[in-house]
């Protein structure tokens, strides 16, 4: 039979408080222009919140090796996807849209230059 772990309410309250503080930090950072660090800080805070939720609310902290290996494998795969996305973004050149076609001014209406 599988071992069941029961966490005290104090642990859940502490994690909830931490998640609320990190959410407030996310909102606070969103109002400041950190340049290219905006995405890094936002992803860092979001990753910290995700790890806290997984460890405590999803009980991965108290799970067996196979569950922990699956979680680590999922994060490894996510990092591969993020890395490939960043690599694609960094290696692209400047994309310049084609200018709109220039339409020469001419007569408007049924008259044409050849008199038809």
PDB file of N, CA and C in Angstrom:
ATOM      1  N   UNK A   1       0.838  -1.188   0.000  1.00  0.00           N
ATOM      2  CA  UNK A   1       0.000   0.000   0.000  1.00  0.00           C
ATOM      3  C   UNK A   1       0.882   1.250   0.000  1.00  0.00           C
ATOM      4  N   UNK A   2       0.463   2.254  -0.718  1.00  0.00           N
ATOM      5  CA  UNK A   2       1.240   3.478  -0.850  1.00  0.00           C
ATOM      6  C   UNK A   2       1.177   4.293   0.434  1.00  0.00           C
ATOM      7  N   UNK A   3       2.296   4.933   0.738  1.00  0.00           N
ATOM      8  CA  UNK A   3       2.361   5.776   1.923  1.00  0.00           C
ATOM      9  C   UNK A   3       1.690   7.111   1.624  1.00  0.00           C
ATOM     10  N   UNK A   4       0.883   7.581   2.557  1.00  0.00           N
ATOM     11  CA  UNK A   4       0.171   8.841   2.385  1.00  0.00           C
ATOM     12  C   UNK A   4       0.810   9.874   3.289  1.00  0.00           C
ATOM     13  N   UNK A   5       1.109  11.034   2.715  1.00  0.00           N
ATOM     14  CA  UNK A   5       1.690  12.114   3.505  1.00  0.00           C
ATOM     15  C   UNK A   5       0.640  13.208   3.694  1.00  0.00           C
ATOM     16  N   UNK A   6       0.479  13.636   4.930  1.00  0.00           N
ATOM     17  CA  UNK A   6      -0.466  14.707   5.243  1.00  0.00           C
ATOM     18  C   UNK A   6       0.340  15.910   5.707  1.00  0.00           C
ATOM     19  N   UNK A   7       0.240  17.006   4.961  1.00  0.00           N
ATOM     20  CA  UNK A   7       0.960  18.229   5.319  1.00  0.00           C
ATOM     21  C   UNK A   7       0.130  19.049   6.292  1.00  0.00           C
ATOM     22  N   UNK A   8       0.797  19.708   7.227  1.00  0.00           N
ATOM     23  CA  UNK A   8       0.039  20.566   8.146  1.00  0.00           C
ATOM     24  C   UNK A   8      -0.508  21.808   7.437  1.00  0.00           C
ATOM     25  N   UNK A   9      -1.562  22.356   7.985  1.00  0.00           N
ATOM     26  CA  UNK A   9      -2.197  23.542   7.401  1.00  0.00           C
ATOM     27  C   UNK A   9      -1.219  24.709   7.389  1.00  0.00           C
ATOM     28  N   UNK A  10      -0.339  24.766   8.376  1.00  0.00           N
ATOM     29  CA  UNK A  10       0.645  25.849   8.446  1.00  0.00           C
ATOM     30  C   UNK A  10       1.523  25.876   7.195  1.00  0.00           C
ATOM     31  N   UNK A  11       1.890  24.698   6.687  1.00  0.00           N
ATOM     32  CA  UNK A  11       2.707  24.627   5.474  1.00  0.00           C
ATOM     33  C   UNK A  11       1.948  25.210   4.287  1.00  0.00           C
ATOM     34  N   UNK A  12       0.684  24.822   4.150  1.00  0.00           N
ATOM     35  CA  UNK A  12      -0.127  25.341   3.044  1.00  0.00           C
ATOM     36  C   UNK A  12      -0.326  26.856   3.160  1.00  0.00           C
ATOM     37  N   UNK A  13      -0.508  27.352   4.380  1.00  0.00           N
ATOM     38  CA  UNK A  13      -0.684  28.792   4.583  1.00  0.00           C
ATOM     39  C   UNK A  13       0.596  29.545   4.225  1.00  0.00           C
ATOM     40  N   UNK A  14       1.741  28.974   4.591  1.00  0.00           N
ATOM     41  CA  UNK A  14       3.025  29.610   4.263  1.00  0.00           C
ATOM     42  C   UNK A  14       3.246  29.653   2.758  1.00  0.00           C
ATOM     43  N   UNK A  15       2.950  28.550   2.088  1.00  0.00           N
ATOM     44  CA  UNK A  15       3.109  28.505   0.630  1.00  0.00           C
ATOM     45  C   UNK A  15       2.134  29.467  -0.036  1.00  0.00           C
ATOM     46  N   UNK A  16       0.904  29.516   0.471  1.00  0.00           N
ATOM     47  CA  UNK A  16      -0.074  30.464  -0.078  1.00  0.00           C
ATOM     48  C   UNK A  16       0.424  31.896   0.073  1.00  0.00           C
ATOM     49  N   UNK A  17       0.937  32.252   1.242  1.00  0.00           N
ATOM     50  CA  UNK A  17       1.481  33.601   1.449  1.00  0.00           C
ATOM     51  C   UNK A  17       2.636  33.897   0.507  1.00  0.00           C
ATOM     52  N   UNK A  18       3.508  32.908   0.328  1.00  0.00           N
ATOM     53  CA  UNK A  18       4.636  33.078  -0.592  1.00  0.00           C
ATOM     54  C   UNK A  18       4.152  33.283  -2.025  1.00  0.00           C
ATOM     55  N   UNK A  19       3.146  32.502  -2.438  1.00  0.00           N
ATOM     56  CA  UNK A  19       2.601  32.661  -3.788  1.00  0.00           C
ATOM     57  C   UNK A  19       1.957  34.029  -3.975  1.00  0.00           C
ATOM     58  N   UNK A  20       1.275  34.522  -2.944  1.00  0.00           N
ATOM     59  CA  UNK A  20       0.663  35.857  -3.044  1.00  0.00           C
ATOM     60  C   UNK A  20       1.731  36.945  -3.132  1.00  0.00           C
ATOM     61  N   UNK A  21       2.811  36.797  -2.355  1.00  0.00           N
ATOM     62  CA  UNK A  21       3.909  37.774  -2.421  1.00  0.00           C
ATOM     63  C   UNK A  21       4.559  37.742  -3.805  1.00  0.00           C
ATOM     64  N   UNK A  22       4.765  36.549  -4.350  1.00  0.00           N
ATOM     65  CA  UNK A  22       5.360  36.454  -5.684  1.00  0.00           C
ATOM     66  C   UNK A  22       4.428  37.008  -6.760  1.00  0.00           C
ATOM     67  N   UNK A  23       3.128  36.840  -6.578  1.00  0.00           N
ATOM     68  CA  UNK A  23       2.176  37.431  -7.527  1.00  0.00           C
ATOM     69  C   UNK A  23       2.239  38.953  -7.457  1.00  0.00           C
ATOM     70  N   UNK A  24       2.314  39.501  -6.246  1.00  0.00           N
ATOM     71  CA  UNK A  24       2.458  40.953  -6.086  1.00  0.00           C
ATOM     72  C   UNK A  24       3.767  41.434  -6.707  1.00  0.00           C
ATOM     73  N   UNK A  25       4.829  40.640  -6.564  1.00  0.00           N
ATOM     74  CA  UNK A  25       6.111  41.002  -7.178  1.00  0.00           C
ATOM     75  C   UNK A  25       5.999  41.002  -8.698  1.00  0.00           C
ATOM     76  N   UNK A  26       5.250  40.067  -9.245  1.00  0.00           N
ATOM     77  CA  UNK A  26       5.040  40.031 -10.687  1.00  0.00           C
ATOM     78  C   UNK A  26       4.336  41.296 -11.167  1.00  0.00           C
ATOM     79  N   UNK A  27       3.300  41.706 -10.447  1.00  0.00           N
ATOM     80  CA  UNK A  27       2.565  42.922 -10.813  1.00  0.00           C
ATOM     81  C   UNK A  27       3.468  44.142 -10.654  1.00  0.00           C
ATOM     82  N   UNK A  28       4.226  44.201  -9.581  1.00  0.00           N
ATOM     83  CA  UNK A  28       5.102  45.335  -9.321  1.00  0.00           C
ATOM     84  C   UNK A  28       6.170  45.466 -10.414  1.00  0.00           C
ATOM     85  N   UNK A  29       6.775  44.344 -10.805  1.00  0.00           N
ATOM     86  CA  UNK A  29       7.821  44.363 -11.827  1.00  0.00           C
ATOM     87  C   UNK A  29       7.241  44.733 -13.191  1.00  0.00           C
ATOM     88  N   UNK A  30       5.981  44.398 -13.425  1.00  0.00           N
ATOM     89  CA  UNK A  30       5.364  44.678 -14.729  1.00  0.00           C
ATOM     90  C   UNK A  30       5.261  46.171 -15.007  1.00  0.00           C
ATOM     91  N   UNK A  31       5.265  46.992 -13.971  1.00  0.00           N
ATOM     92  CA  UNK A  31       5.146  48.435 -14.164  1.00  0.00           C
ATOM     93  C   UNK A  31       6.486  49.118 -14.399  1.00  0.00           C
ATOM     94  N   UNK A  32       7.586  48.372 -14.371  1.00  0.00           N
ATOM     95  CA  UNK A  32       8.904  48.941 -14.595  1.00  0.00           C
ATOM     96  C   UNK A  32       9.494  48.388 -15.878  1.00  0.00           C
ATOM     97  N   UNK A  33      10.163  49.264 -16.622  1.00  0.00           N
ATOM     98  CA  UNK A  33      10.811  48.837 -17.855  1.00  0.00           C
ATOM     99  C   UNK A  33      12.226  48.385 -17.523  1.00  0.00           C
ATOM    100  N   UNK A  34      12.431  47.072 -17.549  1.00  0.00           N
ATOM    101  CA  UNK A  34      13.744  46.515 -17.257  1.00  0.00           C
ATOM    102  C   UNK A  34      14.492  46.132 -18.531  1.00  0.00           C
ATOM    103  N   UNK A  35      13.955  46.579 -19.651  1.00  0.00           N
ATOM    104  CA  UNK A  35      14.578  46.252 -20.932  1.00  0.00           C
ATOM    105  C   UNK A  35      14.444  44.771 -21.227  1.00  0.00           C
ATOM    106  N   UNK A  36      15.528  44.147 -21.659  1.00  0.00           N
ATOM    107  CA  UNK A  36      15.451  42.724 -21.991  1.00  0.00           C
ATOM    108  C   UNK A  36      15.283  41.821 -20.761  1.00  0.00           C
ATOM    109  N   UNK A  37      15.447  42.377 -19.571  1.00  0.00           N
ATOM    110  CA  UNK A  37      15.293  41.569 -18.362  1.00  0.00           C
ATOM    111  C   UNK A  37      13.838  41.346 -17.972  1.00  0.00           C
ATOM    112  N   UNK A  38      12.902  42.069 -18.590  1.00  0.00           N
ATOM    113  CA  UNK A  38      11.481  41.896 -18.243  1.00  0.00           C
ATOM    114  C   UNK A  38      11.053  40.441 -18.366  1.00  0.00           C
ATOM    115  N   UNK A  39      11.365  39.826 -19.490  1.00  0.00           N
ATOM    116  CA  UNK A  39      10.956  38.436 -19.713  1.00  0.00           C
ATOM    117  C   UNK A  39      11.662  37.488 -18.764  1.00  0.00           C
ATOM    118  N   UNK A  40      12.934  37.738 -18.506  1.00  0.00           N
ATOM    119  CA  UNK A  40      13.704  36.859 -17.626  1.00  0.00           C
ATOM    120  C   UNK A  40      13.172  36.915 -16.201  1.00  0.00           C
ATOM    121  N   UNK A  41      12.883  38.116 -15.706  1.00  0.00           N
ATOM    122  CA  UNK A  41      12.351  38.255 -14.347  1.00  0.00           C
ATOM    123  C   UNK A  41      10.960  37.627 -14.256  1.00  0.00           C
ATOM    124  N   UNK A  42      10.115  37.872 -15.247  1.00  0.00           N
ATOM    125  CA  UNK A  42       8.767  37.303 -15.235  1.00  0.00           C
ATOM    126  C   UNK A  42       8.816  35.777 -15.270  1.00  0.00           C
ATOM    127  N   UNK A  43       9.672  35.202 -16.117  1.00  0.00           N
ATOM    128  CA  UNK A  43       9.804  33.745 -16.179  1.00  0.00           C
ATOM    129  C   UNK A  43      10.403  33.180 -14.897  1.00  0.00           C
ATOM    130  N   UNK A  44      11.311  33.914 -14.283  1.00  0.00           N
ATOM    131  CA  UNK A  44      11.900  33.465 -13.015  1.00  0.00           C
ATOM    132  C   UNK A  44      10.866  33.390 -11.904  1.00  0.00           C
ATOM    133  N   UNK A  45      10.042  34.432 -11.792  1.00  0.00           N
ATOM    134  CA  UNK A  45       8.998  34.441 -10.775  1.00  0.00           C
ATOM    135  C   UNK A  45       7.965  33.358 -11.068  1.00  0.00           C
ATOM    136  N   UNK A  46       7.566  33.223 -12.322  1.00  0.00           N
ATOM    137  CA  UNK A  46       6.577  32.203 -12.689  1.00  0.00           C
ATOM    138  C   UNK A  46       7.118  30.797 -12.439  1.00  0.00           C
ATOM    139  N   UNK A  47       8.388  30.577 -12.735  1.00  0.00           N
ATOM    140  CA  UNK A  47       8.983  29.261 -12.492  1.00  0.00           C
ATOM    141  C   UNK A  47       9.042  28.945 -11.003  1.00  0.00           C
ATOM    142  N   UNK A  48       9.376  29.938 -10.200  1.00  0.00           N
ATOM    143  CA  UNK A  48       9.400  29.739  -8.749  1.00  0.00           C
ATOM    144  C   UNK A  48       8.021  29.378  -8.227  1.00  0.00           C
ATOM    145  N   UNK A  49       7.000  30.077  -8.702  1.00  0.00           N
ATOM    146  CA  UNK A  49       5.636  29.754  -8.273  1.00  0.00           C
ATOM    147  C   UNK A  49       5.232  28.356  -8.734  1.00  0.00           C
ATOM    148  N   UNK A  50       5.600  27.977  -9.950  1.00  0.00           N
ATOM    149  CA  UNK A  50       5.253  26.651 -10.458  1.00  0.00           C
ATOM    150  C   UNK A  50       5.931  25.554  -9.637  1.00  0.00           C
ATOM    151  N   UNK A  51       7.191  25.760  -9.276  1.00  0.00           N
ATOM    152  CA  UNK A  51       7.900  24.773  -8.469  1.00  0.00           C
ATOM    153  C   UNK A  51       7.258  24.638  -7.092  1.00  0.00           C
ATOM    154  N   UNK A  52       6.887  25.751  -6.480  1.00  0.00           N
ATOM    155  CA  UNK A  52       6.227  25.686  -5.174  1.00  0.00           C
ATOM    156  C   UNK A  52       4.906  24.926  -5.251  1.00  0.00           C
ATOM    157  N   UNK A  53       4.126  25.204  -6.269  1.00  0.00           N
ATOM    158  CA  UNK A  53       2.839  24.502  -6.428  1.00  0.00           C
ATOM    159  C   UNK A  53       3.076  23.013  -6.633  1.00  0.00           C
ATOM    160  N   UNK A  54       4.048  22.670  -7.467  1.00  0.00           N
ATOM    161  CA  UNK A  54       4.306  21.250  -7.724  1.00  0.00           C
ATOM    162  C   UNK A  54       4.824  20.538  -6.483  1.00  0.00           C
ATOM    163  N   UNK A  55       5.761  21.154  -5.788  1.00  0.00           N
ATOM    164  CA  UNK A  55       6.357  20.488  -4.639  1.00  0.00           C
ATOM    165  C   UNK A  55       5.363  20.264  -3.510  1.00  0.00           C
ATOM    166  N   UNK A  56       4.559  21.285  -3.214  1.00  0.00           N
ATOM    167  CA  UNK A  56       3.724  21.195  -2.015  1.00  0.00           C
ATOM    168  C   UNK A  56       2.266  20.856  -2.317  1.00  0.00           C
ATOM    169  N   UNK A  57       1.640  21.536  -3.257  1.00  0.00           N
ATOM    170  CA  UNK A  57       0.231  21.276  -3.523  1.00  0.00           C
ATOM    171  C   UNK A  57       0.035  19.984  -4.310  1.00  0.00           C
ATOM    172  N   UNK A  58       1.017  19.615  -5.141  1.00  0.00           N
ATOM    173  CA  UNK A  58       0.908  18.371  -5.896  1.00  0.00           C
ATOM    174  C   UNK A  58       1.693  17.239  -5.219  1.00  0.00           C
ATOM    175  N   UNK A  59       2.279  17.518  -4.059  1.00  0.00           N
ATOM    176  CA  UNK A  59       2.973  16.545  -3.215  1.00  0.00           C
ATOM    177  C   UNK A  59       4.129  15.845  -3.914  1.00  0.00           C
ATOM    178  N   UNK A  60       4.775  16.514  -4.850  1.00  0.00           N
ATOM    179  CA  UNK A  60       5.942  15.918  -5.505  1.00  0.00           C
ATOM    180  C   UNK A  60       7.103  15.807  -4.520  1.00  0.00           C
ATOM    181  N   UNK A  61       7.150  16.689  -3.550  1.00  0.00           N
ATOM    182  CA  UNK A  61       8.216  16.662  -2.550  1.00  0.00           C
ATOM    183  C   UNK A  61       8.227  15.338  -1.794  1.00  0.00           C
ATOM    184  N   UNK A  62       7.072  14.764  -1.589  1.00  0.00           N
ATOM    185  CA  UNK A  62       6.958  13.534  -0.804  1.00  0.00           C
ATOM    186  C   UNK A  62       6.727  12.299  -1.676  1.00  0.00           C
ATOM    187  N   UNK A  63       6.817  12.452  -2.971  1.00  0.00           N
ATOM    188  CA  UNK A  63       6.549  11.339  -3.894  1.00  0.00           C
ATOM    189  C   UNK A  63       7.794  10.475  -4.069  1.00  0.00           C
ATOM    190  N   UNK A  64       7.607   9.391  -4.789  1.00  0.00           N
ATOM    191  CA  UNK A  64       8.709   8.466  -5.045  1.00  0.00           C
ATOM    192  C   UNK A  64       9.634   8.967  -6.138  1.00  0.00           C
ATOM    193  N   UNK A  65      10.657   8.160  -6.399  1.00  0.00           N
ATOM    194  CA  UNK A  65      11.676   8.544  -7.385  1.00  0.00           C
ATOM    195  C   UNK A  65      11.117   8.675  -8.790  1.00  0.00           C
ATOM    196  N   UNK A  66      10.195   7.802  -9.144  1.00  0.00           N
ATOM    197  CA  UNK A  66       9.672   7.821 -10.513  1.00  0.00           C
ATOM    198  C   UNK A  66       8.901   9.114 -10.789  1.00  0.00           C
ATOM    199  N   UNK A  67       8.127   9.588  -9.822  1.00  0.00           N
ATOM    200  CA  UNK A  67       7.387  10.845 -10.001  1.00  0.00           C
ATOM    201  C   UNK A  67       8.375  12.001 -10.119  1.00  0.00           C
ATOM    202  N   UNK A  68       9.390  12.016  -9.269  1.00  0.00           N
ATOM    203  CA  UNK A  68      10.389  13.083  -9.325  1.00  0.00           C
ATOM    204  C   UNK A  68      11.149  13.049 -10.646  1.00  0.00           C
ATOM    205  N   UNK A  69      11.468  11.856 -11.139  1.00  0.00           N
ATOM    206  CA  UNK A  69      12.151  11.728 -12.424  1.00  0.00           C
ATOM    207  C   UNK A  69      11.272  12.244 -13.562  1.00  0.00           C
ATOM    208  N   UNK A  70       9.977  11.965 -13.482  1.00  0.00           N
ATOM    209  CA  UNK A  70       9.048  12.454 -14.504  1.00  0.00           C
ATOM    210  C   UNK A  70       8.975  13.978 -14.494  1.00  0.00           C
ATOM    211  N   UNK A  71       8.949  14.567 -13.318  1.00  0.00           N
ATOM    212  CA  UNK A  71       8.905  16.027 -13.208  1.00  0.00           C
ATOM    213  C   UNK A  71      10.190  16.645 -13.755  1.00  0.00           C
ATOM    214  N   UNK A  72      11.320  16.076 -13.386  1.00  0.00           N
ATOM    215  CA  UNK A  72      12.605  16.592 -13.888  1.00  0.00           C
ATOM    216  C   UNK A  72      12.672  16.442 -15.415  1.00  0.00           C
ATOM    217  N   UNK A  73      12.193  15.320 -15.931  1.00  0.00           N
ATOM    218  CA  UNK A  73      12.163  15.128 -17.382  1.00  0.00           C
ATOM    219  C   UNK A  73      11.274  16.144 -18.076  1.00  0.00           C
ATOM    220  N   UNK A  74      10.150  16.479 -17.452  1.00  0.00           N
ATOM    221  CA  UNK A  74       9.259  17.503 -18.023  1.00  0.00           C
ATOM    222  C   UNK A  74       9.935  18.862 -18.073  1.00  0.00           C
ATOM    223  N   UNK A  75      10.646  19.207 -17.002  1.00  0.00           N
ATOM    224  CA  UNK A  75      11.366  20.488 -17.000  1.00  0.00           C
ATOM    225  C   UNK A  75      12.515  20.477 -18.009  1.00  0.00           C
ATOM    226  N   UNK A  76      13.168  19.345 -18.141  1.00  0.00           N
ATOM    227  CA  UNK A  76      14.236  19.233 -19.138  1.00  0.00           C
ATOM    228  C   UNK A  76      13.677  19.473 -20.543  1.00  0.00           C
ATOM    229  N   UNK A  77      12.557  18.855 -20.846  1.00  0.00           N
ATOM    230  CA  UNK A  77      11.913  19.031 -22.150  1.00  0.00           C
ATOM    231  C   UNK A  77      11.472  20.485 -22.348  1.00  0.00           C
ATOM    232  N   UNK A  78      10.912  21.101 -21.310  1.00  0.00           N
ATOM    233  CA  UNK A  78      10.498  22.500 -21.395  1.00  0.00           C
ATOM    234  C   UNK A  78      11.702  23.395 -21.673  1.00  0.00           C
ATOM    235  N   UNK A  79      12.834  23.124 -21.030  1.00  0.00           N
ATOM    236  CA  UNK A  79      14.040  23.911 -21.285  1.00  0.00           C
ATOM    237  C   UNK A  79      14.539  23.729 -22.713  1.00  0.00           C
ATOM    238  N   UNK A  80      14.417  22.532 -23.257  1.00  0.00           N
ATOM    239  CA  UNK A  80      14.787  22.315 -24.663  1.00  0.00           C
ATOM    240  C   UNK A  80      13.904  23.175 -25.568  1.00  0.00           C
ATOM    241  N   UNK A  81      12.604  23.178 -25.305  1.00  0.00           N
ATOM    242  CA  UNK A  81      11.697  23.975 -26.137  1.00  0.00           C
ATOM    243  C   UNK A  81      11.986  25.474 -26.012  1.00  0.00           C
ATOM    244  N   UNK A  82      12.217  25.959 -24.791  1.00  0.00           N
ATOM    245  CA  UNK A  82      12.573  27.363 -24.610  1.00  0.00           C
ATOM    246  C   UNK A  82      13.885  27.680 -25.319  1.00  0.00           C
ATOM    247  N   UNK A  83      14.857  26.786 -25.199  1.00  0.00           N
ATOM    248  CA  UNK A  83      16.152  27.009 -25.843  1.00  0.00           C
ATOM    249  C   UNK A  83      16.036  27.085 -27.356  1.00  0.00           C
ATOM    250  N   UNK A  84      15.255  26.182 -27.950  1.00  0.00           N
ATOM    251  CA  UNK A  84      15.075  26.225 -29.395  1.00  0.00           C
ATOM    252  C   UNK A  84      14.325  27.491 -29.830  1.00  0.00           C
ATOM    253  N   UNK A  85      13.368  27.923 -29.031  1.00  0.00           N
ATOM    254  CA  UNK A  85      12.641  29.151 -29.354  1.00  0.00           C
ATOM    255  C   UNK A  85      13.568  30.361 -29.297  1.00  0.00           C
ATOM    256  N   UNK A  86      14.384  30.434 -28.256  1.00  0.00           N
ATOM    257  CA  UNK A  86      15.329  31.552 -28.135  1.00  0.00           C
ATOM    258  C   UNK A  86      16.352  31.499 -29.265  1.00  0.00           C
ATOM    259  N   UNK A  87      16.828  30.303 -29.601  1.00  0.00           N
ATOM    260  CA  UNK A  87      17.790  30.162 -30.702  1.00  0.00           C
ATOM    261  C   UNK A  87      17.186  30.636 -32.018  1.00  0.00           C
ATOM    262  N   UNK A  88      15.927  30.294 -32.262  1.00  0.00           N
ATOM    263  CA  UNK A  88      15.254  30.751 -33.478  1.00  0.00           C
ATOM    264  C   UNK A  88      15.120  32.271 -33.481  1.00  0.00           C
ATOM    265  N   UNK A  89      14.772  32.841 -32.350  1.00  0.00           N
ATOM    266  CA  UNK A  89      14.589  34.291 -32.253  1.00  0.00           C
ATOM    267  C   UNK A  89      15.905  35.036 -32.452  1.00  0.00           C
ATOM    268  N   UNK A  90      16.968  34.526 -31.846  1.00  0.00           N
ATOM    269  CA  UNK A  90      18.263  35.211 -31.903  1.00  0.00           C
ATOM    270  C   UNK A  90      18.881  35.129 -33.286  1.00  0.00           C
ATOM    271  N   UNK A  91      18.673  34.028 -34.012  1.00  0.00           N
ATOM    272  CA  UNK A  91      19.346  33.858 -35.296  1.00  0.00           C
ATOM    273  C   UNK A  91      18.599  34.485 -36.462  1.00  0.00           C
ATOM    274  N   UNK A  92      17.453  35.043 -36.240  1.00  0.00           N
ATOM    275  CA  UNK A  92      16.730  35.703 -37.334  1.00  0.00           C
ATOM    276  C   UNK A  92      17.316  37.082 -37.588  1.00  0.00           C
ATOM    277  N   UNK A  93      17.293  37.489 -38.858  1.00  0.00           N
ATOM    278  CA  UNK A  93      17.722  38.831 -39.202  1.00  0.00           C
ATOM    279  C   UNK A  93      16.566  39.798 -39.014  1.00  0.00           C
ATOM    280  N   UNK A  94      16.834  41.065 -39.279  1.00  0.00           N
ATOM    281  CA  UNK A  94      15.764  42.057 -39.205  1.00  0.00           C
ATOM    282  C   UNK A  94      14.768  41.797 -40.318  1.00  0.00           C
ATOM    283  N   UNK A  95      13.522  41.727 -39.954  1.00  0.00           N
ATOM    284  CA  UNK A  95      12.470  41.501 -40.940  1.00  0.00           C
ATOM    285  C   UNK A  95      11.912  42.864 -41.334  1.00  0.00           C
ATOM    286  N   UNK A  96      12.071  43.203 -42.619  1.00  0.00           N
ATOM    287  CA  UNK A  96      11.581  44.477 -43.112  1.00  0.00           C
ATOM    288  C   UNK A  96      10.452  44.180 -44.088  1.00  0.00           C
ATOM    289  N   UNK A  97       9.324  44.778 -43.839  1.00  0.00           N
ATOM    290  CA  UNK A  97       8.175  44.568 -44.721  1.00  0.00           C
ATOM    291  C   UNK A  97       8.408  45.282 -46.050  1.00  0.00           C
ATOM    292  N   UNK A  98       7.855  44.720 -47.107  1.00  0.00           N
ATOM    293  CA  UNK A  98       7.942  45.373 -48.409  1.00  0.00           C
ATOM    294  C   UNK A  98       7.160  46.682 -48.357  1.00  0.00           C
ATOM    295  N   UNK A  99       7.716  47.734 -48.965  1.00  0.00           N
ATOM    296  CA  UNK A  99       6.973  48.995 -48.960  1.00  0.00           C
ATOM    297  C   UNK A  99       5.707  48.857 -49.806  1.00  0.00           C
ATOM    298  N   UNK A 100       4.703  49.634 -49.485  1.00  0.00           N
ATOM    299  CA  UNK A 100       3.468  49.551 -50.281  1.00  0.00           C
ATOM    300  C   UNK A 100       3.733  50.019 -51.713  1.00  0.00           C
ATOM    301  N   UNK A 101       2.998  49.491 -52.670  1.00  0.00           N
ATOM    302  CA  UNK A 101       3.227  49.898 -54.069  1.00  0.00           C
ATOM    303  C   UNK A 101       2.844  51.366 -54.270  1.00  0.00           C
ATOM    304  N   UNK A 102       3.615  52.003 -55.118  1.00  0.00           N
ATOM    305  CA  UNK A 102       3.350  53.409 -55.433  1.00  0.00           C
ATOM    306  C   UNK A 102       2.374  53.445 -56.598  1.00  0.00           C
ATOM    307  N   UNK A 103       1.271  54.123 -56.411  1.00  0.00           N
ATOM    308  CA  UNK A 103       0.260  54.258 -57.460  1.00  0.00           C
ATOM    309  C   UNK A 103       0.387  55.660 -58.044  1.00  0.00           C
ATOM    310  N   UNK A 104       0.629  55.707 -59.341  1.00  0.00           N
ATOM    311  CA  UNK A 104       0.805  56.998 -59.996  1.00  0.00           C
ATOM    312  C   UNK A 104      -0.534  57.733 -60.049  1.00  0.00           C
ATOM    313  N   UNK A 105      -0.495  59.035 -59.803  1.00  0.00           N
ATOM    314  CA  UNK A 105      -1.759  59.788 -59.892  1.00  0.00           C
ATOM    315  C   UNK A 105      -2.245  59.823 -61.329  1.00  0.00           C
ATOM    316  N   UNK A 106      -3.515  59.753 -61.506  1.00  0.00           N
ATOM    317  CA  UNK A 106      -4.097  59.772 -62.839  1.00  0.00           C
ATOM    318  C   UNK A 106      -5.531  60.242 -62.736  1.00  0.00           C
ATOM    319  N   UNK A 107      -6.211  60.257 -63.858  1.00  0.00           N
ATOM    320  CA  UNK A 107      -7.618  60.729 -63.839  1.00  0.00           C
ATOM    321  C   UNK A 107      -8.486  59.742 -63.059  1.00  0.00           C
ATOM    322  N   UNK A 108      -9.425  60.304 -62.352  1.00  0.00           N
ATOM    323  CA  UNK A 108     -10.376  59.507 -61.604  1.00  0.00           C
ATOM    324  C   UNK A 108     -11.711  59.592 -62.325  1.00  0.00           C
ATOM    325  N   UNK A 109     -12.295  58.489 -62.574  1.00  0.00           N
ATOM    326  CA  UNK A 109     -13.596  58.494 -63.200  1.00  0.00           C
ATOM    327  C   UNK A 109     -13.568  57.794 -64.550  1.00  0.00           C
ATOM    328  N   UNK A 110     -14.638  57.989 -65.357  1.00  0.00           N
ATOM    329  CA  UNK A 110     -14.732  57.256 -66.616  1.00  0.00           C
ATOM    330  C   UNK A 110     -13.828  57.803 -67.716  1.00  0.00           C
ATOM    331  N   UNK A 111     -13.322  59.043 -67.558  1.00  0.00           N
ATOM    332  CA  UNK A 111     -12.472  59.560 -68.617  1.00  0.00           C
ATOM    333  C   UNK A 111     -11.122  58.900 -68.557  1.00  0.00           C
ATOM    334  N   UNK A 112     -10.584  58.622 -69.698  1.00  0.00           N
ATOM    335  CA  UNK A 112      -9.248  58.064 -69.756  1.00  0.00           C
ATOM    336  C   UNK A 112      -8.427  58.925 -70.710  1.00  0.00           C
ATOM    337  N   UNK A 113      -7.128  58.799 -70.685  1.00  0.00           N
ATOM    338  CA  UNK A 113      -6.305  59.667 -71.530  1.00  0.00           C
ATOM    339  C   UNK A 113      -6.532  59.491 -73.025  1.00  0.00           C
ATOM    340  N   UNK A 114      -6.985  58.340 -73.466  1.00  0.00           N
ATOM    341  CA  UNK A 114      -7.181  58.158 -74.913  1.00  0.00           C
ATOM    342  C   UNK A 114      -8.603  58.528 -75.350  1.00  0.00           C
ATOM    343  N   UNK A 115      -9.419  59.075 -74.453  1.00  0.00           N
ATOM    344  CA  UNK A 115     -10.728  59.600 -74.844  1.00  0.00           C
ATOM    345  C   UNK A 115     -11.838  58.574 -74.954  1.00  0.00           C
ATOM    346  N   UNK A 116     -11.744  57.432 -74.409  1.00  0.00           N
ATOM    347  CA  UNK A 116     -12.807  56.440 -74.531  1.00  0.00           C
ATOM    348  C   UNK A 116     -13.891  56.671 -73.551  1.00  0.00           C
TER     349      UNK A 116
END
